C-alpha cells in the first residue's frame, strides 16, 4: 500500500517553518493556504526549533571558550 506523499524542497520547509517560528504565523492558516497536512508542518516546525536550539547552544559554547 503506497502513500501518495508529496516531496517538498528543504528550502521550502525551512521557509514555512520560519513563518511560524519567527513571524508568528499560525500553523493552521499556513496549512490551509499552502495545502500542507497539519502534522507535516508540525514536524517541520519541530525540527526547525530543534535546529535553532542546537545552533544557540553551539554559539554559547563558542562564547565561553
N, C-alpha and C. Protein backbone atom coordinates (compact mmCIF):
# COMPACT_ATOMS: atom_id res chain seq x y z
N UNK A 1 0.84 -1.17 0.00
CA UNK A 1 0.00 0.00 0.00
C UNK A 1 0.89 1.24 0.00
N UNK A 2 0.99 1.89 -1.11
CA UNK A 2 1.85 3.07 -1.25
C UNK A 2 1.05 4.34 -0.98
N UNK A 3 1.68 5.22 -0.21
CA UNK A 3 1.03 6.50 0.08
C UNK A 3 1.40 7.51 -1.00
N UNK A 4 0.51 8.40 -1.27
CA UNK A 4 0.75 9.45 -2.25
C UNK A 4 1.37 10.64 -1.51
N UNK A 5 2.67 10.56 -1.24
CA UNK A 5 3.36 11.59 -0.49
C UNK A 5 4.04 12.56 -1.43
N UNK A 6 3.86 13.83 -1.15
CA UNK A 6 4.48 14.87 -1.94
C UNK A 6 5.82 15.23 -1.32
N UNK A 7 6.83 15.37 -2.13
CA UNK A 7 8.16 15.76 -1.66
C UNK A 7 8.30 17.27 -1.75
N UNK A 8 8.74 17.87 -0.66
CA UNK A 8 8.93 19.31 -0.61
C UNK A 8 10.43 19.60 -0.51
N UNK A 9 10.89 20.64 -1.19
CA UNK A 9 12.31 21.01 -1.09
C UNK A 9 12.66 21.49 0.33
N UNK A 10 13.89 21.27 0.71
CA UNK A 10 14.35 21.67 2.04
C UNK A 10 14.18 23.16 2.25
N UNK A 11 14.44 23.94 1.23
CA UNK A 11 14.32 25.39 1.34
C UNK A 11 12.88 25.80 1.65
N UNK A 12 11.93 25.12 1.03
CA UNK A 12 10.52 25.41 1.26
C UNK A 12 10.14 25.07 2.70
N UNK A 13 10.59 23.92 3.18
CA UNK A 13 10.30 23.51 4.56
C UNK A 13 10.84 24.53 5.55
N UNK A 14 12.07 24.98 5.31
CA UNK A 14 12.69 25.94 6.20
C UNK A 14 11.97 27.29 6.15
N UNK A 15 11.58 27.71 4.96
CA UNK A 15 10.88 28.99 4.80
C UNK A 15 9.54 28.97 5.55
N UNK A 16 8.78 27.90 5.38
CA UNK A 16 7.48 27.81 6.04
C UNK A 16 7.66 27.72 7.56
N UNK A 17 8.67 27.01 8.00
CA UNK A 17 8.95 26.90 9.44
C UNK A 17 9.31 28.27 10.01
N UNK A 18 10.07 29.05 9.27
CA UNK A 18 10.43 30.40 9.73
C UNK A 18 9.18 31.28 9.84
N UNK A 19 8.24 31.09 8.94
CA UNK A 19 7.00 31.87 9.02
C UNK A 19 6.28 31.60 10.33
N UNK A 20 6.32 30.37 10.79
CA UNK A 20 5.66 30.01 12.04
C UNK A 20 6.47 30.49 13.24
N UNK A 21 7.76 30.14 13.26
CA UNK A 21 8.58 30.40 14.44
C UNK A 21 8.97 31.87 14.57
N UNK A 22 9.45 32.46 13.51
CA UNK A 22 9.97 33.82 13.60
C UNK A 22 8.91 34.90 13.35
N UNK A 23 7.99 34.63 12.44
CA UNK A 23 6.98 35.64 12.10
C UNK A 23 5.68 35.49 12.88
N UNK A 24 5.52 34.36 13.57
CA UNK A 24 4.34 34.15 14.39
C UNK A 24 3.07 33.78 13.64
N UNK A 25 3.22 33.28 12.43
CA UNK A 25 2.04 32.85 11.66
C UNK A 25 1.47 31.59 12.29
N UNK A 26 0.16 31.42 12.18
CA UNK A 26 -0.50 30.24 12.73
C UNK A 26 -0.33 29.06 11.78
N UNK A 27 -0.04 27.91 12.37
CA UNK A 27 0.16 26.71 11.57
C UNK A 27 -1.09 26.34 10.79
N UNK A 28 -2.23 26.48 11.41
CA UNK A 28 -3.49 26.12 10.76
C UNK A 28 -3.70 26.97 9.51
N UNK A 29 -3.43 28.27 9.63
CA UNK A 29 -3.61 29.16 8.49
C UNK A 29 -2.67 28.79 7.33
N UNK A 30 -1.42 28.50 7.66
CA UNK A 30 -0.46 28.13 6.61
C UNK A 30 -0.84 26.80 5.96
N UNK A 31 -1.32 25.88 6.76
CA UNK A 31 -1.74 24.58 6.20
C UNK A 31 -2.85 24.78 5.17
N UNK A 32 -3.78 25.63 5.51
CA UNK A 32 -4.89 25.89 4.58
C UNK A 32 -4.42 26.64 3.34
N UNK A 33 -3.56 27.62 3.52
CA UNK A 33 -3.07 28.42 2.39
C UNK A 33 -2.22 27.60 1.43
N UNK A 34 -1.34 26.78 1.99
CA UNK A 34 -0.35 26.07 1.18
C UNK A 34 -0.72 24.62 0.90
N UNK A 35 -1.87 24.20 1.41
CA UNK A 35 -2.34 22.82 1.19
C UNK A 35 -1.32 21.79 1.69
N UNK A 36 -0.83 22.02 2.91
CA UNK A 36 0.12 21.12 3.57
C UNK A 36 -0.62 20.45 4.72
N UNK A 37 -0.46 19.14 4.90
CA UNK A 37 -1.07 18.49 6.06
C UNK A 37 -0.53 19.08 7.37
N UNK A 38 -1.40 19.22 8.35
CA UNK A 38 -1.03 19.85 9.62
C UNK A 38 0.10 19.10 10.31
N UNK A 39 0.01 17.78 10.36
CA UNK A 39 1.05 17.00 11.05
C UNK A 39 2.41 17.13 10.35
N UNK A 40 2.40 17.31 9.05
CA UNK A 40 3.65 17.51 8.31
C UNK A 40 4.29 18.83 8.72
N UNK A 41 3.48 19.88 8.78
CA UNK A 41 4.00 21.19 9.17
C UNK A 41 4.50 21.17 10.61
N UNK A 42 3.83 20.44 11.48
CA UNK A 42 4.28 20.33 12.86
C UNK A 42 5.67 19.71 12.93
N UNK A 43 5.91 18.70 12.12
CA UNK A 43 7.22 18.04 12.09
C UNK A 43 8.30 19.01 11.62
N UNK A 44 7.98 19.78 10.58
CA UNK A 44 8.95 20.75 10.06
C UNK A 44 9.30 21.80 11.11
N UNK A 45 8.27 22.31 11.79
CA UNK A 45 8.47 23.36 12.79
C UNK A 45 9.27 22.81 13.97
N UNK A 46 8.95 21.62 14.39
CA UNK A 46 9.67 20.98 15.49
C UNK A 46 11.15 20.80 15.15
N UNK A 47 11.43 20.33 13.95
CA UNK A 47 12.81 20.13 13.51
C UNK A 47 13.53 21.48 13.41
N UNK A 48 12.85 22.51 12.95
CA UNK A 48 13.46 23.83 12.83
C UNK A 48 13.80 24.40 14.21
N UNK A 49 12.87 24.24 15.16
CA UNK A 49 13.14 24.73 16.53
C UNK A 49 14.32 23.99 17.16
N UNK A 50 14.38 22.69 16.94
CA UNK A 50 15.49 21.90 17.49
C UNK A 50 16.81 22.35 16.88
N UNK A 51 16.80 22.60 15.58
CA UNK A 51 17.99 23.07 14.88
C UNK A 51 18.43 24.43 15.44
N UNK A 52 17.47 25.30 15.71
CA UNK A 52 17.77 26.62 16.28
C UNK A 52 18.38 26.49 17.67
N UNK A 53 17.82 25.61 18.49
CA UNK A 53 18.33 25.41 19.85
C UNK A 53 19.75 24.88 19.82
N UNK A 54 20.03 23.94 18.94
CA UNK A 54 21.38 23.39 18.82
C UNK A 54 22.37 24.45 18.37
N UNK A 55 21.95 25.30 17.45
CA UNK A 55 22.82 26.38 16.99
C UNK A 55 23.09 27.37 18.11
N UNK A 56 22.09 27.65 18.91
CA UNK A 56 22.25 28.58 20.04
C UNK A 56 23.20 27.99 21.09
N UNK A 57 23.07 26.70 21.37
CA UNK A 57 23.97 26.04 22.32
C UNK A 57 25.40 26.07 21.81
N UNK A 58 25.59 25.81 20.53
CA UNK A 58 26.93 25.83 19.93
C UNK A 58 27.51 27.23 20.01
N UNK A 59 26.68 28.22 19.79
CA UNK A 59 27.12 29.60 19.85
C UNK A 59 27.53 29.98 21.28
N UNK A 60 26.77 29.54 22.26
CA UNK A 60 27.09 29.82 23.65
C UNK A 60 28.38 29.14 24.08
N UNK A 61 28.58 27.89 23.64
CA UNK A 61 29.82 27.18 23.96
C UNK A 61 31.03 27.90 23.37
N UNK A 62 30.84 28.43 22.15
CA UNK A 62 31.92 29.14 21.50
C UNK A 62 32.27 30.42 22.25
N UNK A 63 31.26 31.09 22.81
CA UNK A 63 31.49 32.30 23.57
C UNK A 63 32.20 32.02 24.89
N UNK A 64 31.95 30.85 25.48
CA UNK A 64 32.56 30.51 26.76
C UNK A 64 34.03 30.12 26.62
N UNK A 65 34.44 29.66 25.47
CA UNK A 65 35.82 29.22 25.32
C UNK A 65 36.70 30.31 24.78
